[in-house]
Amino acid sequence: MDKVSDMYQKTAGAMSAVGEKTSSLFGGIGAKFGQLKETPTFKSFEERVGGVYSAARTRMGGSGSNSTQDFEEALKEAEGEKAALDAANGGTVPATTTPGTDVSQPAAS
């Protein structure tokens, strides 16, 4: 029984050491992220993402309470715009589309 107790003690000690190292690792990562958030580059990125998010939210209706419904409405609107553009182009693929990249066109062989 003494052998089992020794093994338990060693395992418990090892697990404790792993826990402490893991905790210090995540604490270090958190501190680095905190420093990163204060850099001008991160703040610029954060502003851009926030601007894109706000623009998308405004276009989709704003409140977010019916986000699925708003998304579906925005998708239908975009599909309608695409259909109108296709009709205006005579149903042809615009010249800016690379042959084989439009799934409605056969791939080049």
N, C-alpha and C. Protein backbone atom coordinates (compact mmCIF):
# COMPACT_ATOMS: atom_id res chain seq x y z
N MET A 1 0.83 -1.19 0.00
CA MET A 1 0.00 0.00 0.00
C MET A 1 0.87 1.25 0.00
N ASP A 2 2.04 1.18 0.56
CA ASP A 2 2.96 2.32 0.63
C ASP A 2 3.40 2.74 -0.77
N LYS A 3 3.54 1.76 -1.66
CA LYS A 3 3.94 2.04 -3.03
C LYS A 3 2.87 2.85 -3.77
N VAL A 4 1.61 2.50 -3.54
CA VAL A 4 0.51 3.23 -4.16
C VAL A 4 0.46 4.66 -3.64
N SER A 5 0.68 4.85 -2.37
CA SER A 5 0.66 6.17 -1.76
C SER A 5 1.78 7.04 -2.32
N ASP A 6 2.96 6.46 -2.48
CA ASP A 6 4.09 7.20 -3.06
C ASP A 6 3.78 7.61 -4.50
N MET A 7 3.20 6.68 -5.24
CA MET A 7 2.86 6.97 -6.63
C MET A 7 1.81 8.08 -6.70
N TYR A 8 0.83 8.04 -5.81
CA TYR A 8 -0.20 9.09 -5.76
C TYR A 8 0.44 10.44 -5.44
N GLN A 9 1.34 10.46 -4.50
CA GLN A 9 2.00 11.71 -4.11
C GLN A 9 2.79 12.30 -5.28
N LYS A 10 3.50 11.44 -6.00
CA LYS A 10 4.29 11.91 -7.15
C LYS A 10 3.37 12.44 -8.25
N THR A 11 2.27 11.71 -8.50
CA THR A 11 1.32 12.14 -9.53
C THR A 11 0.67 13.45 -9.14
N ALA A 12 0.25 13.57 -7.88
CA ALA A 12 -0.39 14.81 -7.42
C ALA A 12 0.58 15.98 -7.51
N GLY A 13 1.84 15.75 -7.18
CA GLY A 13 2.85 16.80 -7.27
C GLY A 13 3.09 17.23 -8.72
N ALA A 14 3.15 16.25 -9.60
CA ALA A 14 3.36 16.55 -11.02
C ALA A 14 2.17 17.33 -11.59
N MET A 15 0.97 16.91 -11.23
CA MET A 15 -0.22 17.60 -11.72
C MET A 15 -0.28 19.03 -11.19
N SER A 16 0.12 19.22 -9.97
CA SER A 16 0.14 20.56 -9.38
C SER A 16 1.13 21.45 -10.13
N ALA A 17 2.30 20.90 -10.44
CA ALA A 17 3.32 21.66 -11.17
C ALA A 17 2.81 22.03 -12.57
N VAL A 18 2.15 21.09 -13.23
CA VAL A 18 1.59 21.35 -14.56
C VAL A 18 0.53 22.45 -14.47
N GLY A 19 -0.31 22.37 -13.47
CA GLY A 19 -1.34 23.39 -13.28
C GLY A 19 -0.75 24.77 -13.07
N GLU A 20 0.30 24.86 -12.26
CA GLU A 20 0.94 26.15 -12.01
C GLU A 20 1.58 26.70 -13.29
N LYS A 21 2.25 25.83 -14.05
CA LYS A 21 2.89 26.29 -15.29
C LYS A 21 1.84 26.73 -16.31
N THR A 22 0.74 25.98 -16.40
CA THR A 22 -0.32 26.34 -17.33
C THR A 22 -0.93 27.68 -16.94
N SER A 23 -1.15 27.87 -15.66
CA SER A 23 -1.72 29.12 -15.18
C SER A 23 -0.80 30.30 -15.48
N SER A 24 0.49 30.13 -15.26
CA SER A 24 1.42 31.22 -15.54
C SER A 24 1.52 31.48 -17.04
N LEU A 25 1.42 30.42 -17.85
CA LEU A 25 1.45 30.60 -19.30
C LEU A 25 0.26 31.43 -19.77
N PHE A 26 -0.95 31.07 -19.34
CA PHE A 26 -2.12 31.83 -19.75
C PHE A 26 -2.11 33.25 -19.18
N GLY A 27 -1.58 33.39 -17.99
CA GLY A 27 -1.46 34.74 -17.42
C GLY A 27 -0.52 35.60 -18.26
N GLY A 28 0.57 34.99 -18.75
CA GLY A 28 1.52 35.70 -19.60
C GLY A 28 0.90 36.09 -20.92
N ILE A 29 0.11 35.18 -21.48
CA ILE A 29 -0.56 35.47 -22.75
C ILE A 29 -1.55 36.61 -22.57
N GLY A 30 -2.28 36.58 -21.46
CA GLY A 30 -3.24 37.64 -21.18
C GLY A 30 -2.56 38.99 -21.05
N ALA A 31 -1.40 39.00 -20.38
CA ALA A 31 -0.66 40.26 -20.22
C ALA A 31 -0.16 40.77 -21.57
N LYS A 32 0.34 39.86 -22.41
CA LYS A 32 0.81 40.26 -23.75
C LYS A 32 -0.34 40.82 -24.58
N PHE A 33 -1.51 40.18 -24.49
CA PHE A 33 -2.66 40.66 -25.24
C PHE A 33 -3.08 42.04 -24.74
N GLY A 34 -3.02 42.24 -23.43
CA GLY A 34 -3.33 43.55 -22.87
C GLY A 34 -2.41 44.63 -23.41
N GLN A 35 -1.13 44.30 -23.54
CA GLN A 35 -0.16 45.25 -24.11
C GLN A 35 -0.46 45.49 -25.59
N LEU A 36 -0.79 44.42 -26.30
CA LEU A 36 -1.08 44.53 -27.73
C LEU A 36 -2.27 45.44 -27.98
N LYS A 37 -3.29 45.36 -27.12
CA LYS A 37 -4.49 46.18 -27.30
C LYS A 37 -4.20 47.67 -27.22
N GLU A 38 -3.09 48.04 -26.63
CA GLU A 38 -2.74 49.45 -26.47
C GLU A 38 -1.92 49.99 -27.63
N THR A 39 -1.52 49.15 -28.58
CA THR A 39 -0.70 49.62 -29.70
C THR A 39 -1.57 50.35 -30.73
N PRO A 40 -0.98 51.30 -31.43
CA PRO A 40 -1.74 52.03 -32.46
C PRO A 40 -2.25 51.11 -33.58
N THR A 41 -1.48 50.09 -33.93
CA THR A 41 -1.90 49.17 -34.98
C THR A 41 -3.16 48.44 -34.57
N PHE A 42 -3.19 47.93 -33.33
CA PHE A 42 -4.37 47.19 -32.87
C PHE A 42 -5.57 48.13 -32.79
N LYS A 43 -5.37 49.34 -32.31
CA LYS A 43 -6.48 50.29 -32.20
C LYS A 43 -7.04 50.62 -33.58
N SER A 44 -6.15 50.77 -34.58
CA SER A 44 -6.60 51.03 -35.94
C SER A 44 -7.41 49.85 -36.48
N PHE A 45 -6.91 48.63 -36.24
CA PHE A 45 -7.62 47.42 -36.66
C PHE A 45 -8.98 47.33 -35.99
N GLU A 46 -9.00 47.62 -34.69
CA GLU A 46 -10.24 47.56 -33.92
C GLU A 46 -11.26 48.57 -34.47
N GLU A 47 -10.80 49.76 -34.83
CA GLU A 47 -11.69 50.77 -35.39
C GLU A 47 -12.25 50.32 -36.74
N ARG A 48 -11.41 49.71 -37.57
CA ARG A 48 -11.87 49.24 -38.88
C ARG A 48 -12.91 48.14 -38.73
N VAL A 49 -12.62 47.18 -37.87
CA VAL A 49 -13.56 46.07 -37.66
C VAL A 49 -14.86 46.62 -37.10
N GLY A 50 -14.77 47.54 -36.16
CA GLY A 50 -15.97 48.15 -35.59
C GLY A 50 -16.77 48.89 -36.65
N GLY A 51 -16.08 49.56 -37.56
CA GLY A 51 -16.76 50.28 -38.64
C GLY A 51 -17.47 49.33 -39.60
N VAL A 52 -16.81 48.24 -39.94
CA VAL A 52 -17.42 47.25 -40.83
C VAL A 52 -18.62 46.62 -40.14
N TYR A 53 -18.48 46.29 -38.87
CA TYR A 53 -19.57 45.69 -38.11
C TYR A 53 -20.77 46.65 -38.05
N SER A 54 -20.49 47.92 -37.77
CA SER A 54 -21.58 48.91 -37.70
C SER A 54 -22.28 49.07 -39.03
N ALA A 55 -21.48 49.11 -40.11
CA ALA A 55 -22.07 49.26 -41.44
C ALA A 55 -22.94 48.05 -41.79
N ALA A 56 -22.46 46.86 -41.48
CA ALA A 56 -23.24 45.65 -41.76
C ALA A 56 -24.50 45.63 -40.92
N ARG A 57 -24.38 46.01 -39.68
CA ARG A 57 -25.54 46.01 -38.79
C ARG A 57 -26.58 47.03 -39.25
N THR A 58 -26.11 48.20 -39.68
CA THR A 58 -27.02 49.23 -40.18
C THR A 58 -27.73 48.74 -41.43
N ARG A 59 -26.98 48.11 -42.32
CA ARG A 59 -27.58 47.62 -43.56
C ARG A 59 -28.60 46.51 -43.29
N MET A 60 -28.37 45.74 -42.24
CA MET A 60 -29.25 44.61 -41.94
C MET A 60 -30.39 44.99 -41.02
N GLY A 61 -30.51 46.22 -40.62
CA GLY A 61 -31.66 46.62 -39.84
C GLY A 61 -31.34 47.19 -38.48
N GLY A 62 -30.15 46.97 -37.98
CA GLY A 62 -29.74 47.67 -36.78
C GLY A 62 -29.93 47.01 -35.45
N SER A 63 -31.10 46.55 -35.09
CA SER A 63 -31.35 46.16 -33.71
C SER A 63 -30.69 44.87 -33.32
N GLY A 64 -30.59 43.92 -34.22
CA GLY A 64 -30.01 42.64 -33.90
C GLY A 64 -30.98 41.69 -33.23
N SER A 65 -32.19 42.17 -32.90
CA SER A 65 -33.15 41.30 -32.21
C SER A 65 -33.69 40.22 -33.14
N ASN A 66 -33.78 40.51 -34.43
CA ASN A 66 -34.21 39.53 -35.41
C ASN A 66 -33.07 39.28 -36.39
N SER A 67 -31.88 39.00 -35.87
CA SER A 67 -30.70 38.94 -36.72
C SER A 67 -30.82 37.90 -37.81
N THR A 68 -31.43 36.76 -37.55
CA THR A 68 -31.59 35.74 -38.59
C THR A 68 -32.52 36.24 -39.68
N GLN A 69 -33.62 36.82 -39.28
CA GLN A 69 -34.57 37.36 -40.25
C GLN A 69 -33.91 38.50 -41.04
N ASP A 70 -33.20 39.38 -40.37
CA ASP A 70 -32.53 40.48 -41.03
C ASP A 70 -31.50 39.97 -42.02
N PHE A 71 -30.76 38.93 -41.64
CA PHE A 71 -29.76 38.37 -42.53
C PHE A 71 -30.42 37.80 -43.77
N GLU A 72 -31.51 37.08 -43.57
CA GLU A 72 -32.22 36.50 -44.72
C GLU A 72 -32.75 37.59 -45.64
N GLU A 73 -33.26 38.67 -45.06
CA GLU A 73 -33.75 39.78 -45.88
C GLU A 73 -32.61 40.42 -46.66
N ALA A 74 -31.47 40.62 -46.00
CA ALA A 74 -30.31 41.21 -46.68
C ALA A 74 -29.81 40.28 -47.78
N LEU A 75 -29.84 38.98 -47.53
CA LEU A 75 -29.42 38.01 -48.54
C LEU A 75 -30.35 38.05 -49.75
N LYS A 76 -31.66 38.09 -49.48
CA LYS A 76 -32.63 38.18 -50.59
C LYS A 76 -32.42 39.46 -51.38
N GLU A 77 -32.15 40.56 -50.68
CA GLU A 77 -31.92 41.84 -51.35
C GLU A 77 -30.68 41.75 -52.24
N ALA A 78 -29.61 41.14 -51.72
CA ALA A 78 -28.38 41.00 -52.50
C ALA A 78 -28.61 40.09 -53.71
N GLU A 79 -29.37 39.01 -53.52
CA GLU A 79 -29.67 38.12 -54.64
C GLU A 79 -30.49 38.85 -55.70
N GLY A 80 -31.44 39.70 -55.26
CA GLY A 80 -32.23 40.49 -56.19
C GLY A 80 -31.37 41.46 -56.97
N GLU A 81 -30.41 42.09 -56.29
CA GLU A 81 -29.49 43.01 -56.96
C GLU A 81 -28.64 42.27 -57.98
N LYS A 82 -28.20 41.07 -57.63
CA LYS A 82 -27.40 40.26 -58.55
C LYS A 82 -28.22 39.87 -59.77
N ALA A 83 -29.48 39.47 -59.54
CA ALA A 83 -30.36 39.10 -60.66
C ALA A 83 -30.59 40.29 -61.58
N ALA A 84 -30.77 41.47 -61.00
CA ALA A 84 -30.98 42.68 -61.80
C ALA A 84 -29.72 42.99 -62.60
N LEU A 85 -28.56 42.83 -62.00
CA LEU A 85 -27.30 43.07 -62.69
C LEU A 85 -27.11 42.07 -63.83
N ASP A 86 -27.43 40.79 -63.56
CA ASP A 86 -27.34 39.77 -64.61
C ASP A 86 -28.28 40.10 -65.77
N ALA A 87 -29.49 40.53 -65.46
CA ALA A 87 -30.46 40.89 -66.50
C ALA A 87 -29.96 42.08 -67.31
N ALA A 88 -29.35 43.04 -66.62
CA ALA A 88 -28.83 44.23 -67.30
C ALA A 88 -27.66 43.88 -68.21
N ASN A 89 -26.92 42.84 -67.85
CA ASN A 89 -25.79 42.40 -68.67
C ASN A 89 -26.22 41.38 -69.72
N GLY A 90 -27.50 41.18 -69.89
CA GLY A 90 -27.99 40.23 -70.87
C GLY A 90 -27.76 38.79 -70.48
N GLY A 91 -27.60 38.55 -69.18
CA GLY A 91 -27.39 37.19 -68.70
C GLY A 91 -25.99 36.67 -68.94
N THR A 92 -25.07 37.54 -69.34
CA THR A 92 -23.70 37.11 -69.60
C THR A 92 -22.84 37.34 -68.37
N VAL A 93 -21.73 36.66 -68.31
CA VAL A 93 -20.79 36.83 -67.22
C VAL A 93 -20.00 38.10 -67.48
N PRO A 94 -19.88 39.00 -66.50
CA PRO A 94 -19.12 40.23 -66.70
C PRO A 94 -17.68 39.93 -67.11
N ALA A 95 -17.07 40.84 -67.86
CA ALA A 95 -15.71 40.64 -68.36
C ALA A 95 -14.69 40.50 -67.24
N THR A 96 -14.99 41.00 -66.03
CA THR A 96 -14.05 40.92 -64.93
C THR A 96 -13.98 39.53 -64.32
N THR A 97 -14.89 38.64 -64.68
CA THR A 97 -14.87 37.29 -64.14
C THR A 97 -13.88 36.45 -64.91
N THR A 98 -12.99 35.80 -64.19
CA THR A 98 -12.01 34.92 -64.81
C THR A 98 -12.71 33.65 -65.27
N PRO A 99 -12.51 33.21 -66.53
CA PRO A 99 -13.16 32.00 -67.00
C PRO A 99 -12.87 30.82 -66.07
N GLY A 100 -13.89 30.07 -65.75
CA GLY A 100 -13.74 28.90 -64.89
C GLY A 100 -13.92 29.18 -63.42
N THR A 101 -14.02 30.48 -63.05
CA THR A 101 -14.20 30.79 -61.62
C THR A 101 -15.65 30.98 -61.26
N ASP A 102 -16.50 31.20 -62.25
CA ASP A 102 -17.94 31.34 -62.00
C ASP A 102 -18.54 29.95 -62.08
N VAL A 103 -19.18 29.50 -60.99
CA VAL A 103 -19.70 28.14 -60.93
C VAL A 103 -20.82 27.89 -61.94
N SER A 104 -21.42 28.95 -62.48
CA SER A 104 -22.46 28.77 -63.47
C SER A 104 -21.88 28.54 -64.86
N GLN A 105 -20.57 28.72 -65.01
CA GLN A 105 -19.89 28.53 -66.29
C GLN A 105 -19.10 27.23 -66.24
N PRO A 106 -19.01 26.53 -67.37
CA PRO A 106 -18.21 25.29 -67.39
C PRO A 106 -16.74 25.61 -67.20
N ALA A 107 -16.05 24.71 -66.55
CA ALA A 107 -14.61 24.90 -66.33
C ALA A 107 -13.87 24.68 -67.64
N ALA A 108 -12.78 25.43 -67.81
CA ALA A 108 -11.96 25.26 -69.02
C ALA A 108 -11.25 23.92 -68.96
N SER A 109 -11.15 23.24 -70.12
CA SER A 109 -10.46 21.95 -70.09
C SER A 109 -9.13 22.02 -70.77
